[in-house]
Amino acid sequence: MPKFNVTVPHTLSQQEATERLNRFADILREKFKDSVSDLEQNWEGNTLAFRFKTFGFPLSGKIAVGDKDLVVDGDLPFTAMMFKGKIESSIREQLERLMTAGIIKKKE
């Protein structure tokens, strides 16, 4: 099965990043309610395992919460390969928003 991979840097503590990631499923359900179904998630240590369907394609993977980044690794069905770039960019965009929401960066 083909793979996808996304790395999203963050400046949060690992605990804060984990707490924000807990909201990932809720955000997906709310924002993509017309295109995401059968969403499941569970924690294994500092790694969030997820599974959902989008446009009929099943996607699954894991998001590892590190000190400075989130690393997403997942599986794509062969029929979704043409959408790999779009899937990766959408996941990256949503996680970046989640990790930076409410953070005001200081000007240097």
Protein backbone atom coordinates (compact mmCIF):
# COMPACT_ATOMS: atom_id res chain seq x y z
CA MET A 1 0.00 0.00 0.00
CA PRO A 2 1.35 3.49 -0.85
CA LYS A 3 2.38 5.78 1.99
CA PHE A 4 2.04 9.47 2.75
CA ASN A 5 4.15 11.53 5.14
CA VAL A 6 3.81 15.03 6.57
CA THR A 7 5.97 16.85 9.12
CA VAL A 8 4.57 19.92 10.86
CA PRO A 9 6.91 21.93 13.12
CA HIS A 10 5.52 23.53 16.29
CA THR A 11 6.79 25.76 19.08
CA LEU A 12 4.52 24.33 21.79
CA SER A 13 5.37 22.06 24.66
CA GLN A 14 4.79 18.41 23.88
CA GLN A 15 1.90 18.42 26.35
CA GLU A 16 0.21 21.44 24.71
CA ALA A 17 0.69 19.95 21.24
CA THR A 18 -0.87 16.70 22.46
CA GLU A 19 -3.82 18.54 24.01
CA ARG A 20 -4.43 20.43 20.78
CA LEU A 21 -4.15 17.26 18.74
CA ASN A 22 -6.93 15.80 20.88
CA ARG A 23 -9.20 18.25 19.03
CA PHE A 24 -8.07 16.99 15.60
CA ALA A 25 -11.02 14.60 15.14
CA ASP A 26 -13.55 17.22 16.20
CA ILE A 27 -12.09 19.72 13.75
CA LEU A 28 -12.16 17.20 10.90
CA ARG A 29 -15.77 16.26 11.69
CA GLU A 30 -16.84 19.89 11.84
CA LYS A 31 -14.90 21.36 8.94
CA PHE A 32 -15.20 18.42 6.54
CA LYS A 33 -18.55 17.00 7.62
CA ASP A 34 -19.63 16.48 4.00
CA SER A 35 -16.48 14.60 2.97
CA VAL A 36 -15.18 12.77 6.07
CA SER A 37 -16.88 9.78 7.69
CA ASP A 38 -16.16 6.82 9.98
CA LEU A 39 -13.55 8.83 11.90
CA GLU A 40 -11.77 6.96 14.69
CA GLN A 41 -8.77 7.92 16.78
CA ASN A 42 -6.92 6.49 19.77
CA TRP A 43 -3.72 7.29 21.63
CA GLU A 44 -0.74 4.97 21.95
CA GLY A 45 1.69 6.89 24.18
CA ASN A 46 2.60 10.11 22.32
CA THR A 47 1.16 8.83 19.05
CA LEU A 48 -2.37 9.38 17.79
CA ALA A 49 -3.60 6.58 15.54
CA PHE A 50 -6.41 7.62 13.19
CA ARG A 51 -8.66 6.17 10.54
CA PHE A 52 -11.36 7.77 8.39
CA LYS A 53 -12.93 7.79 4.95
CA THR A 54 -12.88 10.76 2.64
CA PHE A 55 -14.67 10.74 -0.70
CA GLY A 56 -15.00 6.98 -0.29
CA PHE A 57 -11.24 6.42 0.20
CA PRO A 58 -10.13 4.87 3.51
CA LEU A 59 -7.14 6.63 5.09
CA SER A 60 -5.27 5.56 8.18
CA GLY A 61 -2.11 6.57 9.91
CA LYS A 62 -0.37 7.86 12.99
CA ILE A 63 0.63 11.29 14.22
CA ALA A 64 3.67 11.21 16.51
CA VAL A 65 3.95 14.22 18.82
CA GLY A 66 7.56 15.28 19.26
CA ASP A 67 9.17 18.14 21.16
CA LYS A 68 9.36 20.33 18.06
CA ASP A 69 7.17 18.71 15.43
CA LEU A 70 4.33 16.40 14.50
CA VAL A 71 5.18 13.54 12.16
CA VAL A 72 2.30 12.02 10.23
CA ASP A 73 2.73 8.66 8.52
CA GLY A 74 -0.14 6.94 6.81
CA ASP A 75 -1.39 4.53 4.21
CA LEU A 76 -3.24 5.40 1.03
CA PRO A 77 -5.23 3.02 -1.12
CA PHE A 78 -3.82 2.71 -4.65
CA THR A 79 -6.99 4.33 -6.00
CA ALA A 80 -6.18 7.53 -4.06
CA MET A 81 -2.58 7.91 -5.30
CA MET A 82 -3.51 10.69 -7.72
CA PHE A 83 -4.72 12.71 -4.72
CA LYS A 84 -1.62 12.13 -2.55
CA GLY A 85 -0.35 15.71 -2.84
CA LYS A 86 -3.77 17.17 -2.06
CA ILE A 87 -4.22 14.85 0.94
CA GLU A 88 -0.77 15.72 2.34
CA SER A 89 -1.27 19.46 1.87
CA SER A 90 -4.72 19.35 3.49
CA ILE A 91 -3.42 17.44 6.51
CA ARG A 92 -0.43 19.80 6.80
CA GLU A 93 -2.67 22.88 6.58
CA GLN A 94 -5.11 21.66 9.24
CA LEU A 95 -2.35 20.64 11.65
CA GLU A 96 -0.46 23.92 11.14
CA ARG A 97 -3.63 25.84 11.97
CA LEU A 98 -4.23 23.67 15.02
CA MET A 99 -0.67 24.12 16.31
CA THR A 100 -0.56 27.88 15.76
CA ALA A 101 -4.12 28.86 16.75
CA GLY A 102 -3.99 31.50 19.42
CA ILE A 103 -0.21 31.88 19.31
CA ILE A 104 1.10 35.39 18.85
CA LYS A 105 4.64 35.37 17.60
CA LYS A 106 6.97 38.01 18.95
CA LYS A 107 8.68 40.26 16.45
CA GLU A 108 12.42 40.05 16.63
